[in-house]
Amino acid sequence: MIRIVLKSKQKQGSCPEATQDLKLNTKNRNASIKAEHIQYGPLNLSDEKYWDRLADHWNTEVSVAKKSLCGNCAAFDISPRMLDCLPGPVSEPIKDEDGKLGYCWMHKFKCHSARTCYTWAAGGPIDQDKVSYQWQGKE
């Protein structure tokens, strides 16, 4: 079920606006791809140049960098309530061979678990509604 957020100011506990507005989600995702301090990607998971850049950024090996993914980031939300916010067959229980879709609270867009960015933070994913609401309360 797709929920439409009509008010500019969201109520606490409602779906994040970017999960309901494709234009906003795309704008936020594209900004995260282009921003030098974020560098969301890679578009193609076999893009070794992206992984080399990420490893250089973190001053580590590519094999280590490839383990720091959105799927295990502290801001990656796959809580039951968030999965209800994600529209259509792109969210759980349907997933592709590489992972699944969730929501990135840091950059406010629907995010794929097999990708990453320069702002990755250990400690995720968010898989409890209580924690998801805490992140939303920080907006």
C-alpha atoms as a PDB file:
ATOM      1  CA  MET A   1       0.000   0.000   0.000  1.00  0.00           C
ATOM      2  CA  ILE A   2       1.383   3.399  -0.987  1.00  0.00           C
ATOM      3  CA  ARG A   3       0.768   6.269   1.409  1.00  0.00           C
ATOM      4  CA  ILE A   4       0.816   9.824   0.160  1.00  0.00           C
ATOM      5  CA  VAL A   5       2.102  12.552   2.463  1.00  0.00           C
ATOM      6  CA  LEU A   6       0.214  15.737   1.633  1.00  0.00           C
ATOM      7  CA  LYS A   7       1.406  18.074   4.354  1.00  0.00           C
ATOM      8  CA  SER A   8       4.811  19.711   4.141  1.00  0.00           C
ATOM      9  CA  LYS A   9       5.412  19.045   7.840  1.00  0.00           C
ATOM     10  CA  GLN A  10       5.275  15.329   8.586  1.00  0.00           C
ATOM     11  CA  LYS A  11       3.641  13.931  11.668  1.00  0.00           C
ATOM     12  CA  GLN A  12       5.846  11.874  13.976  1.00  0.00           C
ATOM     13  CA  GLY A  13       5.604   8.244  12.924  1.00  0.00           C
ATOM     14  CA  SER A  14       4.452   8.830   9.374  1.00  0.00           C
ATOM     15  CA  CYS A  15       6.412   7.502   6.433  1.00  0.00           C
ATOM     16  CA  PRO A  16       9.415   9.629   5.434  1.00  0.00           C
ATOM     17  CA  GLU A  17       8.428  11.897   2.576  1.00  0.00           C
ATOM     18  CA  ALA A  18      11.048  10.447   0.206  1.00  0.00           C
ATOM     19  CA  THR A  19       9.486   6.974   0.506  1.00  0.00           C
ATOM     20  CA  GLN A  20       6.245   8.408  -0.900  1.00  0.00           C
ATOM     21  CA  ASP A  21       7.554  10.966  -3.398  1.00  0.00           C
ATOM     22  CA  LEU A  22       9.607   9.511  -6.256  1.00  0.00           C
ATOM     23  CA  LYS A  23      10.817  12.931  -7.409  1.00  0.00           C
ATOM     24  CA  LEU A  24      12.114  13.815  -3.928  1.00  0.00           C
ATOM     25  CA  ASN A  25      13.678  10.385  -3.460  1.00  0.00           C
ATOM     26  CA  THR A  26      15.468  10.648  -6.808  1.00  0.00           C
ATOM     27  CA  LYS A  27      16.654  14.188  -6.027  1.00  0.00           C
ATOM     28  CA  ASN A  28      18.081  13.095  -2.665  1.00  0.00           C
ATOM     29  CA  ARG A  29      19.693   9.957  -4.091  1.00  0.00           C
ATOM     30  CA  ASN A  30      21.257  11.817  -7.009  1.00  0.00           C
ATOM     31  CA  ALA A  31      22.587  14.502  -4.669  1.00  0.00           C
ATOM     32  CA  SER A  32      24.154  11.736  -2.542  1.00  0.00           C
ATOM     33  CA  ILE A  33      25.821  10.239  -5.610  1.00  0.00           C
ATOM     34  CA  LYS A  34      27.304  13.590  -6.674  1.00  0.00           C
ATOM     35  CA  ALA A  35      28.307  14.994  -3.268  1.00  0.00           C
ATOM     36  CA  GLU A  36      32.057  14.670  -2.707  1.00  0.00           C
ATOM     37  CA  HIS A  37      31.534  13.906   0.992  1.00  0.00           C
ATOM     38  CA  ILE A  38      28.925  11.153   0.357  1.00  0.00           C
ATOM     39  CA  GLN A  39      29.640   9.374  -2.965  1.00  0.00           C
ATOM     40  CA  TYR A  40      26.719   6.886  -2.760  1.00  0.00           C
ATOM     41  CA  GLY A  41      27.280   3.904  -5.038  1.00  0.00           C
ATOM     42  CA  PRO A  42      28.332   2.067  -6.974  1.00  0.00           C
ATOM     43  CA  LEU A  43      25.620   1.916  -9.628  1.00  0.00           C
ATOM     44  CA  ASN A  44      27.122  -1.340 -10.871  1.00  0.00           C
ATOM     45  CA  LEU A  45      28.401  -3.463  -7.987  1.00  0.00           C
ATOM     46  CA  SER A  46      31.255  -4.770 -10.146  1.00  0.00           C
ATOM     47  CA  ASP A  47      32.629  -1.228 -10.638  1.00  0.00           C
ATOM     48  CA  GLU A  48      36.104  -1.809  -9.192  1.00  0.00           C
ATOM     49  CA  LYS A  49      37.082   1.848  -9.656  1.00  0.00           C
ATOM     50  CA  TYR A  50      34.379   2.858  -7.167  1.00  0.00           C
ATOM     51  CA  TRP A  51      35.583   0.283  -4.620  1.00  0.00           C
ATOM     52  CA  ASP A  52      39.204   1.419  -5.129  1.00  0.00           C
ATOM     53  CA  ARG A  53      38.151   5.041  -4.416  1.00  0.00           C
ATOM     54  CA  LEU A  54      36.209   3.952  -1.341  1.00  0.00           C
ATOM     55  CA  ALA A  55      39.155   1.949  -0.016  1.00  0.00           C
ATOM     56  CA  ASP A  56      41.465   4.937  -0.587  1.00  0.00           C
ATOM     57  CA  HIS A  57      38.995   7.197   1.215  1.00  0.00           C
ATOM     58  CA  TRP A  58      38.923   4.884   4.251  1.00  0.00           C
ATOM     59  CA  ASN A  59      42.646   4.099   3.986  1.00  0.00           C
ATOM     60  CA  THR A  60      41.979   0.371   3.808  1.00  0.00           C
ATOM     61  CA  GLU A  61      41.899  -2.593   1.440  1.00  0.00           C
ATOM     62  CA  VAL A  62      39.134  -3.048  -1.147  1.00  0.00           C
ATOM     63  CA  SER A  63      38.095  -6.324   0.479  1.00  0.00           C
ATOM     64  CA  VAL A  64      37.520  -4.488   3.772  1.00  0.00           C
ATOM     65  CA  ALA A  65      35.718  -1.574   2.120  1.00  0.00           C
ATOM     66  CA  LYS A  66      33.320  -4.025   0.444  1.00  0.00           C
ATOM     67  CA  LYS A  67      32.182  -5.169   3.896  1.00  0.00           C
ATOM     68  CA  SER A  68      31.029  -1.668   4.916  1.00  0.00           C
ATOM     69  CA  LEU A  69      27.677  -1.633   3.152  1.00  0.00           C
ATOM     70  CA  CYS A  70      24.404   0.190   3.510  1.00  0.00           C
ATOM     71  CA  GLY A  71      22.965  -3.101   4.740  1.00  0.00           C
ATOM     72  CA  ASN A  72      25.086  -2.907   7.911  1.00  0.00           C
ATOM     73  CA  CYS A  73      25.099   0.878   8.323  1.00  0.00           C
ATOM     74  CA  ALA A  74      23.644   2.472  11.458  1.00  0.00           C
ATOM     75  CA  ALA A  75      21.321   4.652   9.327  1.00  0.00           C
ATOM     76  CA  PHE A  76      19.908   1.854   7.119  1.00  0.00           C
ATOM     77  CA  ASP A  77      16.288   1.257   8.142  1.00  0.00           C
ATOM     78  CA  ILE A  78      14.622  -2.082   7.406  1.00  0.00           C
ATOM     79  CA  SER A  79      12.262  -2.016  10.391  1.00  0.00           C
ATOM     80  CA  PRO A  80       8.768  -3.476   9.886  1.00  0.00           C
ATOM     81  CA  ARG A  81       7.191  -0.028   9.840  1.00  0.00           C
ATOM     82  CA  MET A  82       9.708   1.229   7.251  1.00  0.00           C
ATOM     83  CA  LEU A  83       9.143  -1.775   5.015  1.00  0.00           C
ATOM     84  CA  ASP A  84       5.456  -0.828   5.061  1.00  0.00           C
ATOM     85  CA  CYS A  85       6.471   2.634   3.811  1.00  0.00           C
ATOM     86  CA  LEU A  86       8.392   1.266   0.825  1.00  0.00           C
ATOM     87  CA  PRO A  87       6.079   0.932  -2.175  1.00  0.00           C
ATOM     88  CA  GLY A  88       5.485  -2.048  -4.382  1.00  0.00           C
ATOM     89  CA  PRO A  89       7.607  -5.078  -5.157  1.00  0.00           C
ATOM     90  CA  VAL A  90      10.961  -3.374  -4.544  1.00  0.00           C
ATOM     91  CA  SER A  91      10.842  -3.934  -0.818  1.00  0.00           C
ATOM     92  CA  GLU A  92      10.822  -7.037   1.349  1.00  0.00           C
ATOM     93  CA  PRO A  93       9.994  -9.822   1.123  1.00  0.00           C
ATOM     94  CA  ILE A  94      11.133  -9.448  -2.479  1.00  0.00           C
ATOM     95  CA  LYS A  95      14.854  -8.879  -2.809  1.00  0.00           C
ATOM     96  CA  ASP A  96      17.399  -9.288  -5.574  1.00  0.00           C
ATOM     97  CA  GLU A  97      20.456 -11.512  -5.534  1.00  0.00           C
ATOM     98  CA  ASP A  98      22.595  -8.724  -4.051  1.00  0.00           C
ATOM     99  CA  GLY A  99      20.367  -7.502  -1.246  1.00  0.00           C
ATOM    100  CA  LYS A 100      17.287  -5.499  -0.447  1.00  0.00           C
ATOM    101  CA  LEU A 101      15.883  -2.017  -0.303  1.00  0.00           C
ATOM    102  CA  GLY A 102      15.762   0.031   2.890  1.00  0.00           C
ATOM    103  CA  TYR A 103      15.738   3.695   3.852  1.00  0.00           C
ATOM    104  CA  CYS A 104      18.778   5.851   4.602  1.00  0.00           C
ATOM    105  CA  TRP A 105      18.059   8.275   7.440  1.00  0.00           C
ATOM    106  CA  MET A 106      21.330  10.166   6.901  1.00  0.00           C
ATOM    107  CA  HIS A 107      20.612  11.129   3.305  1.00  0.00           C
ATOM    108  CA  LYS A 108      16.837  10.626   3.115  1.00  0.00           C
ATOM    109  CA  PHE A 109      16.320   8.247   0.222  1.00  0.00           C
ATOM    110  CA  LYS A 110      15.487   4.611  -0.486  1.00  0.00           C
ATOM    111  CA  CYS A 111      18.800   2.809  -0.416  1.00  0.00           C
ATOM    112  CA  HIS A 112      20.022  -0.628  -1.531  1.00  0.00           C
ATOM    113  CA  SER A 113      21.772  -2.801   1.044  1.00  0.00           C
ATOM    114  CA  ALA A 114      24.633  -3.794  -1.300  1.00  0.00           C
ATOM    115  CA  ARG A 115      25.758  -0.198  -1.883  1.00  0.00           C
ATOM    116  CA  THR A 116      27.614   2.162   0.438  1.00  0.00           C
ATOM    117  CA  CYS A 117      28.923   5.714   0.812  1.00  0.00           C
ATOM    118  CA  TYR A 118      31.643   7.751   2.472  1.00  0.00           C
ATOM    119  CA  THR A 119      29.400   8.468   5.461  1.00  0.00           C
ATOM    120  CA  TRP A 120      28.858   4.786   6.345  1.00  0.00           C
ATOM    121  CA  ALA A 121      28.646   4.204  10.100  1.00  0.00           C
ATOM    122  CA  ALA A 122      28.921   0.854  11.878  1.00  0.00           C
ATOM    123  CA  GLY A 123      26.092  -0.509  13.948  1.00  0.00           C
ATOM    124  CA  GLY A 124      23.203  -1.296  11.658  1.00  0.00           C
ATOM    125  CA  PRO A 125      20.833  -2.039  10.249  1.00  0.00           C
ATOM    126  CA  ILE A 126      17.837  -0.544  12.011  1.00  0.00           C
ATOM    127  CA  ASP A 127      15.421  -3.443  12.336  1.00  0.00           C
ATOM    128  CA  GLN A 128      13.155  -2.323  15.182  1.00  0.00           C
ATOM    129  CA  ASP A 129      10.303   0.179  14.886  1.00  0.00           C
ATOM    130  CA  LYS A 130      11.340   1.854  18.156  1.00  0.00           C
ATOM    131  CA  VAL A 131      14.780   2.699  16.760  1.00  0.00           C
ATOM    132  CA  SER A 132      13.282   3.820  13.446  1.00  0.00           C
ATOM    133  CA  TYR A 133      11.005   6.267  15.269  1.00  0.00           C
ATOM    134  CA  GLN A 134      14.018   7.576  17.235  1.00  0.00           C
ATOM    135  CA  TRP A 135      15.841   8.354  13.997  1.00  0.00           C
ATOM    136  CA  GLN A 136      12.739  10.051  12.586  1.00  0.00           C
ATOM    137  CA  GLY A 137      12.430  12.108  15.761  1.00  0.00           C
ATOM    138  CA  LYS A 138      15.867  13.615  15.058  1.00  0.00           C
ATOM    139  CA  GLU A 139      14.745  15.221  11.813  1.00  0.00           C
END
